[in-house]
Amino acid sequence: MGTPIRRIAVEEAFVTPDVAAGWREILARPDVEPGFAKLGGIMMSPAARPLVDRLLEVGPQRLARMDAAGIDLQVLALTAPGVQVLDTGLAVRLAAEANDFLAEAIAAHPNRFAGLAAVAPQDPKAAAREIERAATRLKLNGLIINSHTRGERLDLPKFAPVLEAAEAFDMPIYLHPREPAPAMVAPYLDYGLYFATWGFSAESGLHAMRLIMSGTFERYPRLRIILGHMGEAIPFWLQRIDNRHAAQVHVGASQRLQKKPSEFFRDNFLITTSGFMSMPALRLCLDVLGVERILFAVDYPYENDSEAVRFMDEAKITEDERRQIYQSNAERVFKLKAISNG
């Protein structure tokens, strides 16, 4: 009998009361982003109260659910849109306070929780300072960026301090979805398409592609980005992306990169299984990316943790692949102390 596999879930959400209060204030303003107006209105509705209660609780109830599902450790992150919809000064302060809260939760249960630091990209220099603090003082394990900030994405030159700090302190960025930016959201507002069914992946996939096509990874070759939801469909598209990019370079419609887009994706990205319980999707990602680039996640409390564990336990993969997806890849990427279960 081998050592039991340690089930580590790496996209598990929480929120603080102050961040939730900040959302309520933004939702009452006439300049609220259209996508967040719809999403935030649902999140703040009475029907969503049980969900919000689970987001707010990082203690015995969450641990009991983890035990029931068989999850040994959660990597916690401030849920979308985090502080990225707030005014700059408030966002900087609440990000730091959320990170302090997270560090305290981890200290209370160091074998059960790890965490990704929130930052306020609204102030890139302050975000860079918070990355340094999170890495050196709080000992957090990476960063959470909830896709666009006021319609802007990390490929823009103004965000260079954020990327420089993430690379310098070896803090992987979990590029988490949120509703599409104001400039693209209009056709998504009907039929619930702005939400997780489609708009979330469209937004975060676009963000990832902008990072690749802008040459971001030529400037920051050691930068690592994590995408949830089996890579937001990009693994399915990689061959065509390479094919069309080469054609567009030929006619002057795209800039030439040092490597193929798919090579940047394989070198600088990892993906997680969050929200996916599909063997064909997992098989495609294994074939296209390799097992070493795939991590297990649930997306708690938005997804059912027991169902996610059941899927991965029963997936038609080798036991070595299962161990890498559940445990060893997360321990490597997030510098988690390797401990036995218990």
Protein backbone atom coordinates (compact mmCIF):
# COMPACT_ATOMS: atom_id res chain seq x y z
CA MET A 1 0.00 0.00 0.00
CA GLY A 2 1.34 3.43 -0.96
CA THR A 3 1.06 6.67 0.97
CA PRO A 4 -2.51 8.01 0.87
CA ILE A 5 -3.08 10.79 -1.62
CA ARG A 6 -3.49 14.24 -0.10
CA ARG A 7 -6.47 15.94 -1.74
CA ILE A 8 -5.65 19.62 -2.21
CA ALA A 9 -8.30 21.92 -3.69
CA VAL A 10 -6.79 25.12 -5.07
CA GLU A 11 -9.68 27.46 -6.02
CA GLU A 12 -11.77 27.75 -2.89
CA ALA A 13 -13.51 31.04 -2.18
CA PHE A 14 -14.11 33.24 0.82
CA VAL A 15 -15.15 36.84 1.43
CA THR A 16 -14.83 39.25 4.34
CA PRO A 17 -17.77 41.25 5.70
CA ASP A 18 -16.06 44.53 4.77
CA VAL A 19 -15.55 43.51 1.14
CA ALA A 20 -19.19 42.42 0.90
CA ALA A 21 -20.22 45.77 2.39
CA GLY A 22 -18.09 47.54 -0.21
CA TRP A 23 -19.94 45.68 -2.96
CA ARG A 24 -23.28 46.84 -1.58
CA GLU A 25 -22.13 50.46 -1.72
CA ILE A 26 -20.92 50.09 -5.32
CA LEU A 27 -24.18 48.42 -6.36
CA ALA A 28 -26.12 51.46 -5.12
CA ARG A 29 -24.17 53.85 -7.35
CA PRO A 30 -25.32 54.93 -10.82
CA ASP A 31 -21.89 54.24 -12.33
CA VAL A 32 -21.82 50.54 -11.34
CA GLU A 33 -20.47 48.29 -14.11
CA PRO A 34 -23.37 46.65 -16.00
CA GLY A 35 -22.13 43.11 -15.50
CA PHE A 36 -21.45 43.59 -11.81
CA ALA A 37 -24.86 45.25 -11.41
CA LYS A 38 -26.49 41.98 -12.46
CA LEU A 39 -24.07 39.61 -10.73
CA GLY A 40 -23.82 41.65 -7.55
CA GLY A 41 -27.56 42.05 -7.37
CA ILE A 42 -27.92 38.28 -7.35
CA MET A 43 -25.12 37.78 -4.81
CA MET A 44 -26.72 40.29 -2.43
CA SER A 45 -30.24 38.87 -2.80
CA PRO A 46 -31.97 36.88 -0.03
CA ALA A 47 -31.87 33.76 -2.22
CA ALA A 48 -28.06 33.85 -2.19
CA ARG A 49 -27.77 34.26 1.57
CA PRO A 50 -26.81 30.61 2.26
CA LEU A 51 -24.05 30.90 -0.34
CA VAL A 52 -22.75 34.15 1.14
CA ASP A 53 -22.81 32.59 4.61
CA ARG A 54 -20.54 29.81 3.36
CA LEU A 55 -18.20 32.38 1.79
CA LEU A 56 -17.97 34.28 5.08
CA GLU A 57 -17.19 31.22 7.20
CA VAL A 58 -13.57 30.00 7.35
CA GLY A 59 -13.65 27.78 10.38
CA PRO A 60 -15.37 24.72 11.84
CA GLN A 61 -18.26 24.51 9.37
CA ARG A 62 -15.94 24.69 6.37
CA LEU A 63 -13.58 22.18 7.91
CA ALA A 64 -16.48 19.81 8.58
CA ARG A 65 -17.52 20.01 4.93
CA MET A 66 -13.94 19.36 3.85
CA ASP A 67 -13.82 16.31 6.12
CA ALA A 68 -17.11 15.01 4.75
CA ALA A 69 -15.90 15.39 1.16
CA GLY A 70 -12.43 14.00 1.88
CA ILE A 71 -10.53 17.23 1.11
CA ASP A 72 -7.35 17.64 3.13
CA LEU A 73 -6.44 21.23 2.29
CA GLN A 74 -8.07 24.24 0.63
CA VAL A 75 -6.11 27.02 -1.05
CA LEU A 76 -8.35 29.97 -0.20
CA ALA A 77 -8.86 33.09 -2.32
CA LEU A 78 -11.01 36.20 -2.03
CA THR A 79 -13.99 35.57 -4.27
CA ALA A 80 -14.65 37.52 -7.46
CA PRO A 81 -14.72 40.42 -8.07
CA GLY A 82 -12.82 40.90 -4.83
CA VAL A 83 -11.70 44.51 -4.33
CA GLN A 84 -11.43 45.22 -8.06
CA VAL A 85 -14.77 47.05 -8.26
CA LEU A 86 -14.03 49.37 -5.32
CA ASP A 87 -12.56 52.87 -5.23
CA THR A 88 -8.79 52.76 -5.18
CA GLY A 89 -8.00 53.75 -1.60
CA LEU A 90 -10.65 51.46 -0.15
CA ALA A 91 -9.57 48.61 -2.42
CA VAL A 92 -5.94 48.87 -1.29
CA ARG A 93 -6.96 48.85 2.38
CA LEU A 94 -9.47 46.02 2.13
CA ALA A 95 -7.09 43.84 0.11
CA ALA A 96 -4.49 44.14 2.87
CA GLU A 97 -7.09 43.45 5.56
CA ALA A 98 -8.39 40.41 3.67
CA ASN A 99 -4.84 39.11 3.42
CA ASP A 100 -4.34 39.58 7.16
CA PHE A 101 -7.60 37.70 7.79
CA LEU A 102 -6.43 34.94 5.46
CA ALA A 103 -3.04 34.64 7.14
CA GLU A 104 -4.77 34.32 10.52
CA ALA A 105 -7.07 31.58 9.22
CA ILE A 106 -4.06 29.68 7.88
CA ALA A 107 -2.16 30.10 11.16
CA ALA A 108 -5.14 28.63 13.01
CA HIS A 109 -5.27 25.58 10.72
CA PRO A 110 -1.89 25.33 8.93
CA ASN A 111 -2.45 21.78 7.71
CA ARG A 112 -5.92 22.56 6.31
CA PHE A 113 -5.62 25.99 4.67
CA ALA A 114 -3.23 27.86 2.40
CA GLY A 115 -4.01 31.09 0.59
CA LEU A 116 -3.73 33.43 -2.37
CA ALA A 117 -3.24 37.12 -1.66
CA ALA A 118 -5.64 39.72 -3.01
CA VAL A 119 -4.29 42.97 -4.42
CA ALA A 120 -5.85 46.14 -5.83
CA PRO A 121 -4.62 46.52 -9.43
CA GLN A 122 -6.23 50.00 -9.38
CA ASP A 123 -2.92 51.11 -7.78
CA PRO A 124 -0.22 48.98 -9.39
CA LYS A 125 2.59 50.24 -7.15
CA ALA A 126 0.58 49.59 -4.00
CA ALA A 127 -0.33 46.17 -5.39
CA ALA A 128 3.36 45.41 -5.90
CA ARG A 129 4.09 46.38 -2.29
CA GLU A 130 1.26 44.13 -1.11
CA ILE A 131 2.66 41.24 -3.16
CA GLU A 132 6.00 41.68 -1.40
CA ARG A 133 4.28 41.76 2.01
CA ALA A 134 2.15 38.73 1.19
CA ALA A 135 5.17 36.75 0.07
CA THR A 136 7.69 37.76 2.73
CA ARG A 137 5.67 38.57 5.86
CA LEU A 138 2.37 36.76 5.50
CA LYS A 139 3.88 33.74 3.71
CA LEU A 140 0.91 33.38 1.37
CA ASN A 141 1.19 31.05 -1.58
CA GLY A 142 0.29 33.10 -4.64
CA LEU A 143 -2.05 35.81 -5.91
CA ILE A 144 -5.66 36.06 -7.00
CA ILE A 145 -6.56 38.49 -9.79
CA ASN A 146 -10.24 38.51 -10.75
CA SER A 147 -9.69 39.24 -14.43
CA HIS A 148 -10.35 42.81 -15.57
CA THR A 149 -10.13 45.86 -13.32
CA ARG A 150 -12.39 48.63 -14.60
CA GLY A 151 -12.19 47.07 -18.04
CA GLU A 152 -8.39 46.91 -18.07
CA ARG A 153 -6.26 43.78 -18.10
CA LEU A 154 -2.75 42.90 -17.00
CA ASP A 155 -1.17 43.14 -20.47
CA LEU A 156 -1.31 46.95 -20.29
CA PRO A 157 2.01 48.68 -19.45
CA LYS A 158 0.50 50.35 -16.37
CA PHE A 159 0.34 46.96 -14.64
CA ALA A 160 4.05 46.23 -15.05
CA PRO A 161 4.73 46.66 -11.29
CA VAL A 162 2.22 43.89 -10.52
CA LEU A 163 3.80 41.45 -12.97
CA GLU A 164 7.34 42.38 -11.95
CA ALA A 165 6.56 41.72 -8.30
CA ALA A 166 4.74 38.46 -9.03
CA GLU A 167 7.75 37.22 -10.97
CA ALA A 168 10.32 38.53 -8.50
CA PHE A 169 8.65 36.88 -5.51
CA ASP A 170 7.68 33.73 -7.42
CA MET A 171 3.99 34.22 -6.69
CA PRO A 172 1.80 32.46 -9.26
CA ILE A 173 -1.27 34.45 -10.33
CA TYR A 174 -4.61 32.68 -10.30
CA LEU A 175 -6.46 34.52 -13.09
CA HIS A 176 -10.00 34.03 -11.90
CA PRO A 177 -13.09 34.84 -13.98
CA ARG A 178 -15.64 37.53 -13.43
CA GLU A 179 -18.37 39.00 -15.61
CA PRO A 180 -17.17 40.54 -18.92
CA ALA A 181 -15.83 44.08 -18.94
CA PRO A 182 -18.16 46.98 -19.77
CA ALA A 183 -16.83 47.32 -23.32
CA MET A 184 -17.83 43.75 -24.20
CA VAL A 185 -20.63 42.85 -21.80
CA ALA A 186 -23.72 44.11 -23.68
CA PRO A 187 -24.53 40.93 -25.67
CA TYR A 188 -23.87 38.83 -22.56
CA LEU A 189 -26.47 40.57 -20.42
CA ASP A 190 -29.33 38.55 -21.93
CA TYR A 191 -30.14 34.96 -20.96
CA GLY A 192 -27.68 34.91 -18.06
CA LEU A 193 -24.72 34.72 -20.45
CA TYR A 194 -22.67 37.19 -18.37
CA PHE A 195 -22.53 34.56 -15.61
CA ALA A 196 -20.53 31.35 -15.28
CA THR A 197 -22.34 29.51 -18.09
CA TRP A 198 -20.39 31.46 -20.70
CA GLY A 199 -19.32 35.03 -19.90
CA PHE A 200 -16.88 34.17 -17.13
CA SER A 201 -14.78 31.95 -19.40
CA ALA A 202 -15.04 34.39 -22.30
CA GLU A 203 -13.64 37.15 -20.09
CA SER A 204 -10.83 35.21 -18.43
CA GLY A 205 -9.90 33.40 -21.65
CA LEU A 206 -9.61 36.75 -23.42
CA HIS A 207 -7.44 38.04 -20.59
CA ALA A 208 -5.11 35.05 -20.90
CA MET A 209 -4.88 35.45 -24.68
CA ARG A 210 -4.04 39.14 -24.34
CA LEU A 211 -1.17 38.21 -22.03
CA ILE A 212 0.16 35.71 -24.57
CA MET A 213 -0.28 37.81 -27.72
CA SER A 214 1.08 41.00 -26.16
CA GLY A 215 4.47 39.40 -25.52
CA THR A 216 4.01 39.59 -21.73
CA PHE A 217 5.86 36.31 -21.22
CA GLU A 218 8.79 37.51 -23.30
CA ARG A 219 9.19 40.32 -20.77
CA TYR A 220 8.40 38.11 -17.74
CA PRO A 221 9.51 34.59 -18.70
CA ARG A 222 9.22 33.21 -15.15
CA LEU A 223 5.69 34.55 -14.61
CA ARG A 224 3.15 31.78 -13.96
CA ILE A 225 -0.59 32.11 -14.55
CA ILE A 226 -3.20 29.62 -13.36
CA LEU A 227 -6.53 29.30 -15.15
CA GLY A 228 -9.47 27.45 -13.66
CA HIS A 229 -12.23 25.51 -15.37
CA MET A 230 -9.93 23.28 -17.45
CA GLY A 231 -8.10 26.31 -18.84
CA GLU A 232 -11.16 28.32 -19.88
CA ALA A 233 -11.37 26.33 -23.18
CA ILE A 234 -7.93 27.45 -24.40
CA PRO A 235 -6.43 23.91 -24.44
CA PHE A 236 -9.12 22.93 -26.98
CA TRP A 237 -8.14 25.87 -29.22
CA LEU A 238 -4.32 25.76 -29.07
CA GLN A 239 -3.68 24.15 -32.46
CA ARG A 240 -5.94 26.62 -34.23
CA ILE A 241 -4.51 29.54 -32.26
CA ASP A 242 -1.01 28.62 -33.49
CA ASN A 243 -2.24 28.11 -37.03
CA ARG A 244 -4.10 31.40 -37.29
CA HIS A 245 -1.45 33.38 -35.43
CA ALA A 246 1.18 32.29 -37.95
CA ALA A 247 -1.11 33.33 -40.81
CA GLN A 248 -1.85 36.67 -39.19
CA VAL A 249 1.85 37.39 -38.67
CA HIS A 250 2.38 36.67 -42.38
CA VAL A 251 -0.15 39.33 -43.44
CA GLY A 252 0.82 41.82 -40.74
CA ALA A 253 -2.28 41.44 -38.58
CA SER A 254 -0.42 40.13 -35.48
CA GLN A 255 2.99 40.77 -33.98
CA ARG A 256 5.63 38.06 -34.20
CA LEU A 257 6.36 36.25 -30.96
CA GLN A 258 9.53 34.45 -29.94
CA LYS A 259 7.57 31.20 -29.56
CA LYS A 260 4.25 29.81 -30.66
CA PRO A 261 1.28 30.86 -28.52
CA SER A 262 0.83 27.22 -27.48
CA GLU A 263 4.42 27.12 -26.26
CA PHE A 264 3.86 30.14 -24.04
CA PHE A 265 0.70 28.50 -22.74
CA ARG A 266 2.53 25.29 -21.88
CA ASP A 267 5.52 27.12 -20.38
CA ASN A 268 3.75 29.81 -18.36
CA PHE A 269 0.26 28.50 -17.57
CA LEU A 270 -1.25 25.82 -15.38
CA ILE A 271 -4.90 24.87 -15.28
CA THR A 272 -7.28 23.49 -12.68
CA THR A 273 -10.28 21.20 -12.77
CA SER A 274 -12.56 23.63 -10.92
CA GLY A 275 -16.19 23.22 -11.87
CA PHE A 276 -15.47 20.43 -14.37
CA MET A 277 -16.49 16.83 -13.89
CA SER A 278 -16.03 15.69 -17.47
CA MET A 279 -13.67 12.87 -18.40
CA PRO A 280 -13.43 13.95 -22.08
CA ALA A 281 -12.37 17.44 -20.98
CA LEU A 282 -9.81 16.05 -18.54
CA ARG A 283 -8.47 13.64 -21.16
CA LEU A 284 -8.04 16.44 -23.69
CA CYS A 285 -6.12 18.55 -21.18
CA LEU A 286 -3.91 15.62 -20.23
CA ASP A 287 -3.15 14.94 -23.89
CA VAL A 288 -2.55 18.58 -24.83
CA LEU A 289 -0.81 19.92 -21.73
CA GLY A 290 0.51 16.99 -19.73
CA VAL A 291 -0.42 15.97 -16.21
CA GLU A 292 2.20 18.22 -14.60
CA ARG A 293 0.19 21.32 -15.60
CA ILE A 294 -3.15 20.25 -14.08
CA LEU A 295 -4.29 20.84 -10.49
CA PHE A 296 -7.42 19.76 -8.66
CA ALA A 297 -9.93 22.39 -7.57
CA VAL A 298 -13.57 22.41 -6.52
CA ASP A 299 -14.62 26.10 -6.68
CA TYR A 300 -16.27 25.81 -3.25
CA PRO A 301 -18.87 26.96 -2.29
CA TYR A 302 -20.11 27.45 -5.85
CA GLU A 303 -19.61 23.76 -6.73
CA ASN A 304 -20.30 20.55 -4.85
CA ASP A 305 -17.08 19.38 -3.19
CA SER A 306 -18.21 15.76 -2.73
CA GLU A 307 -19.10 15.46 -6.41
CA ALA A 308 -15.75 16.93 -7.45
CA VAL A 309 -13.85 14.46 -5.27
CA ARG A 310 -15.96 11.56 -6.52
CA PHE A 311 -15.19 12.51 -10.12
CA MET A 312 -11.43 12.71 -9.54
CA ASP A 313 -11.36 9.55 -7.45
CA GLU A 314 -13.12 7.62 -10.23
CA ALA A 315 -11.50 9.32 -13.25
CA LYS A 316 -9.98 6.89 -15.74
CA ILE A 317 -6.40 7.95 -15.17
CA THR A 318 -3.37 6.29 -13.58
CA GLU A 319 -2.80 6.49 -9.85
CA ASP A 320 0.37 8.49 -10.50
CA GLU A 321 -1.64 11.01 -12.55
CA ARG A 322 -4.26 11.16 -9.81
CA ARG A 323 -1.60 11.88 -7.18
CA GLN A 324 -0.05 14.63 -9.30
CA ILE A 325 -3.39 16.34 -9.96
CA TYR A 326 -4.58 16.04 -6.37
CA GLN A 327 -1.36 16.66 -4.52
CA SER A 328 2.15 16.94 -5.89
CA ASN A 329 1.50 19.61 -8.53
CA ALA A 330 -0.13 21.86 -5.92
CA GLU A 331 2.67 21.24 -3.43
CA ARG A 332 5.20 22.26 -6.10
CA VAL A 333 3.37 25.29 -7.51
CA PHE A 334 2.25 26.78 -4.19
CA LYS A 335 5.27 25.65 -2.13
CA LEU A 336 3.07 23.70 0.23
CA LYS A 337 4.72 21.67 2.94
CA ALA A 338 4.45 18.01 2.00
CA ILE A 339 2.82 16.24 4.92
CA SER A 340 1.02 12.97 5.31
CA ASN A 341 -2.75 12.88 5.73
CA GLY A 342 -4.10 13.23 9.23
